[in-house]
Amino acid sequence: MDSTTALWTDEEQALARDAFERACRRSGEALILAVQHQAGLLGSLDDLWQLHDFLSIQRHAIEGRSEFRLDGILFVLASFVKEGLLELEELDGLDAEKLGKVAAMARF
């Protein structure tokens, strides 16, 4: 167990994992809706390639944060908060320092 893992209680780890999975699910649902909307607007081959490019970018972003790891999880949770995929209140139960870090990072 590394020093980062030792700083997390079992309850905090479970809460963080649950919030992470919930935000990932929301991210996927939002992407599906966006693609359905964009697909309905396809009118040319250029539009299709733009949709392809959009999906490639989204895939890279999603795969970059699709694995739950405690090292860096505060940054990932903050990015979910910033993107509106997670509310700070959903992280109630983390200690005040961790919650404060997430809130601070989500502002930038």
C-alpha atoms as a PDB file:
ATOM      1  CA  MET A   1       0.000   0.000   0.000  1.00  0.00           C
ATOM      2  CA  ASP A   2       1.481   3.350  -0.988  1.00  0.00           C
ATOM      3  CA  SER A   3       1.337   6.461   1.177  1.00  0.00           C
ATOM      4  CA  THR A   4      -1.580   7.913  -0.812  1.00  0.00           C
ATOM      5  CA  THR A   5      -3.734   4.850  -0.247  1.00  0.00           C
ATOM      6  CA  ALA A   6      -2.943   4.876   3.477  1.00  0.00           C
ATOM      7  CA  LEU A   7      -4.452   8.363   3.783  1.00  0.00           C
ATOM      8  CA  TRP A   8      -7.887   7.169   2.677  1.00  0.00           C
ATOM      9  CA  THR A   9     -10.324   5.421   4.983  1.00  0.00           C
ATOM     10  CA  ASP A  10     -12.299   2.493   3.610  1.00  0.00           C
ATOM     11  CA  GLU A  11     -15.433   4.652   3.737  1.00  0.00           C
ATOM     12  CA  GLU A  12     -13.753   7.456   1.784  1.00  0.00           C
ATOM     13  CA  GLN A  13     -12.493   5.013  -0.828  1.00  0.00           C
ATOM     14  CA  ALA A  14     -15.984   3.563  -1.255  1.00  0.00           C
ATOM     15  CA  LEU A  15     -17.508   7.049  -1.499  1.00  0.00           C
ATOM     16  CA  ALA A  16     -14.899   8.188  -4.038  1.00  0.00           C
ATOM     17  CA  ARG A  17     -15.354   5.041  -6.127  1.00  0.00           C
ATOM     18  CA  ASP A  18     -19.137   5.435  -6.115  1.00  0.00           C
ATOM     19  CA  ALA A  19     -18.907   9.116  -7.103  1.00  0.00           C
ATOM     20  CA  PHE A  20     -16.344   8.279  -9.797  1.00  0.00           C
ATOM     21  CA  GLU A  21     -18.534   5.547 -11.295  1.00  0.00           C
ATOM     22  CA  ARG A  22     -21.627   7.766 -11.154  1.00  0.00           C
ATOM     23  CA  ALA A  23     -19.812  10.594 -12.955  1.00  0.00           C
ATOM     24  CA  CYS A  24     -18.423   8.199 -15.582  1.00  0.00           C
ATOM     25  CA  ARG A  25     -21.925   6.890 -16.219  1.00  0.00           C
ATOM     26  CA  ARG A  26     -23.244  10.450 -16.548  1.00  0.00           C
ATOM     27  CA  SER A  27     -20.403  11.306 -18.903  1.00  0.00           C
ATOM     28  CA  GLY A  28     -21.281   8.383 -21.153  1.00  0.00           C
ATOM     29  CA  GLU A  29     -24.964   9.273 -21.133  1.00  0.00           C
ATOM     30  CA  ALA A  30     -24.181  12.894 -22.033  1.00  0.00           C
ATOM     31  CA  LEU A  31     -21.908  11.773 -24.859  1.00  0.00           C
ATOM     32  CA  ILE A  32     -24.585   9.501 -26.294  1.00  0.00           C
ATOM     33  CA  LEU A  33     -27.095  12.367 -26.272  1.00  0.00           C
ATOM     34  CA  ALA A  34     -24.592  14.712 -27.927  1.00  0.00           C
ATOM     35  CA  VAL A  35     -23.810  12.182 -30.641  1.00  0.00           C
ATOM     36  CA  GLN A  36     -27.487  11.480 -31.271  1.00  0.00           C
ATOM     37  CA  HIS A  37     -28.063  15.205 -31.673  1.00  0.00           C
ATOM     38  CA  GLN A  38     -25.058  15.699 -33.954  1.00  0.00           C
ATOM     39  CA  ALA A  39     -25.963  12.643 -36.027  1.00  0.00           C
ATOM     40  CA  GLY A  40     -29.378  14.156 -36.652  1.00  0.00           C
ATOM     41  CA  LEU A  41     -27.681  17.226 -38.109  1.00  0.00           C
ATOM     42  CA  LEU A  42     -25.438  15.367 -40.545  1.00  0.00           C
ATOM     43  CA  GLY A  43     -25.816  16.850 -43.972  1.00  0.00           C
ATOM     44  CA  SER A  44     -22.491  16.315 -45.627  1.00  0.00           C
ATOM     45  CA  LEU A  45     -19.413  14.155 -45.590  1.00  0.00           C
ATOM     46  CA  ASP A  46     -17.572  16.988 -43.839  1.00  0.00           C
ATOM     47  CA  ASP A  47     -20.158  16.857 -41.046  1.00  0.00           C
ATOM     48  CA  LEU A  48     -19.518  13.140 -40.713  1.00  0.00           C
ATOM     49  CA  TRP A  49     -15.755  13.655 -40.416  1.00  0.00           C
ATOM     50  CA  GLN A  50     -16.321  16.361 -37.810  1.00  0.00           C
ATOM     51  CA  LEU A  51     -18.429  13.898 -35.821  1.00  0.00           C
ATOM     52  CA  HIS A  52     -15.647  11.340 -36.150  1.00  0.00           C
ATOM     53  CA  ASP A  53     -13.097  13.858 -34.866  1.00  0.00           C
ATOM     54  CA  PHE A  54     -15.380  14.787 -31.977  1.00  0.00           C
ATOM     55  CA  LEU A  55     -15.756  11.118 -31.031  1.00  0.00           C
ATOM     56  CA  SER A  56     -12.008  10.549 -31.229  1.00  0.00           C
ATOM     57  CA  ILE A  57     -11.376  13.447 -28.854  1.00  0.00           C
ATOM     58  CA  GLN A  58     -14.087  12.258 -26.482  1.00  0.00           C
ATOM     59  CA  ARG A  59     -12.753   8.707 -26.507  1.00  0.00           C
ATOM     60  CA  HIS A  60      -9.280   9.942 -25.606  1.00  0.00           C
ATOM     61  CA  ALA A  61     -10.660  12.064 -22.767  1.00  0.00           C
ATOM     62  CA  ILE A  62     -12.854   9.269 -21.395  1.00  0.00           C
ATOM     63  CA  GLU A  63     -10.175   6.600 -21.609  1.00  0.00           C
ATOM     64  CA  GLY A  64      -7.750   8.943 -19.877  1.00  0.00           C
ATOM     65  CA  ARG A  65      -9.868   8.886 -16.747  1.00  0.00           C
ATOM     66  CA  SER A  66     -11.721   5.601 -16.970  1.00  0.00           C
ATOM     67  CA  GLU A  67      -9.698   3.710 -14.383  1.00  0.00           C
ATOM     68  CA  PHE A  68     -10.257   4.364 -10.692  1.00  0.00           C
ATOM     69  CA  ARG A  69      -6.930   5.013  -8.960  1.00  0.00           C
ATOM     70  CA  LEU A  70      -6.530   6.800  -5.662  1.00  0.00           C
ATOM     71  CA  ASP A  71      -3.416   8.589  -6.844  1.00  0.00           C
ATOM     72  CA  GLY A  72      -4.905  11.448  -8.788  1.00  0.00           C
ATOM     73  CA  ILE A  73      -8.545  10.758  -7.910  1.00  0.00           C
ATOM     74  CA  LEU A  74      -9.025  14.188  -6.370  1.00  0.00           C
ATOM     75  CA  PHE A  75      -8.030  15.778  -9.680  1.00  0.00           C
ATOM     76  CA  VAL A  76     -10.411  13.495 -11.594  1.00  0.00           C
ATOM     77  CA  LEU A  77     -13.274  14.199  -9.190  1.00  0.00           C
ATOM     78  CA  ALA A  78     -12.582  17.928  -9.507  1.00  0.00           C
ATOM     79  CA  SER A  79     -12.747  17.688 -13.294  1.00  0.00           C
ATOM     80  CA  PHE A  80     -16.098  15.913 -13.000  1.00  0.00           C
ATOM     81  CA  VAL A  81     -17.375  18.687 -10.713  1.00  0.00           C
ATOM     82  CA  LYS A  82     -16.105  21.348 -13.113  1.00  0.00           C
ATOM     83  CA  GLU A  83     -17.861  19.640 -16.032  1.00  0.00           C
ATOM     84  CA  GLY A  84     -21.137  19.389 -14.108  1.00  0.00           C
ATOM     85  CA  LEU A  85     -21.028  15.594 -13.971  1.00  0.00           C
ATOM     86  CA  LEU A  86     -20.727  15.560 -10.184  1.00  0.00           C
ATOM     87  CA  GLU A  87     -21.851  17.875  -7.400  1.00  0.00           C
ATOM     88  CA  LEU A  88     -19.595  18.650  -4.446  1.00  0.00           C
ATOM     89  CA  GLU A  89     -22.408  17.503  -2.160  1.00  0.00           C
ATOM     90  CA  GLU A  90     -22.037  14.015  -3.621  1.00  0.00           C
ATOM     91  CA  LEU A  91     -18.589  13.933  -2.027  1.00  0.00           C
ATOM     92  CA  ASP A  92     -19.845  14.629   1.490  1.00  0.00           C
ATOM     93  CA  GLY A  93     -18.072  12.123   3.677  1.00  0.00           C
ATOM     94  CA  LEU A  94     -14.579  12.892   2.430  1.00  0.00           C
ATOM     95  CA  ASP A  95     -12.460  14.635   5.016  1.00  0.00           C
ATOM     96  CA  ALA A  96     -12.470  18.423   4.869  1.00  0.00           C
ATOM     97  CA  GLU A  97      -8.981  18.649   3.351  1.00  0.00           C
ATOM     98  CA  LYS A  98      -9.817  16.355   0.429  1.00  0.00           C
ATOM     99  CA  LEU A  99     -13.142  18.059  -0.168  1.00  0.00           C
ATOM    100  CA  GLY A 100     -11.438  21.460  -0.067  1.00  0.00           C
ATOM    101  CA  LYS A 101      -8.874  20.333  -2.635  1.00  0.00           C
ATOM    102  CA  VAL A 102     -11.594  19.087  -4.975  1.00  0.00           C
ATOM    103  CA  ALA A 103     -13.516  22.350  -4.609  1.00  0.00           C
ATOM    104  CA  ALA A 104     -10.402  24.447  -5.232  1.00  0.00           C
ATOM    105  CA  MET A 105      -9.329  22.459  -8.303  1.00  0.00           C
ATOM    106  CA  ALA A 106     -12.851  22.542  -9.731  1.00  0.00           C
ATOM    107  CA  ARG A 107     -12.722  26.343  -9.827  1.00  0.00           C
ATOM    108  CA  PHE A 108      -9.849  26.379 -12.322  1.00  0.00           C
END
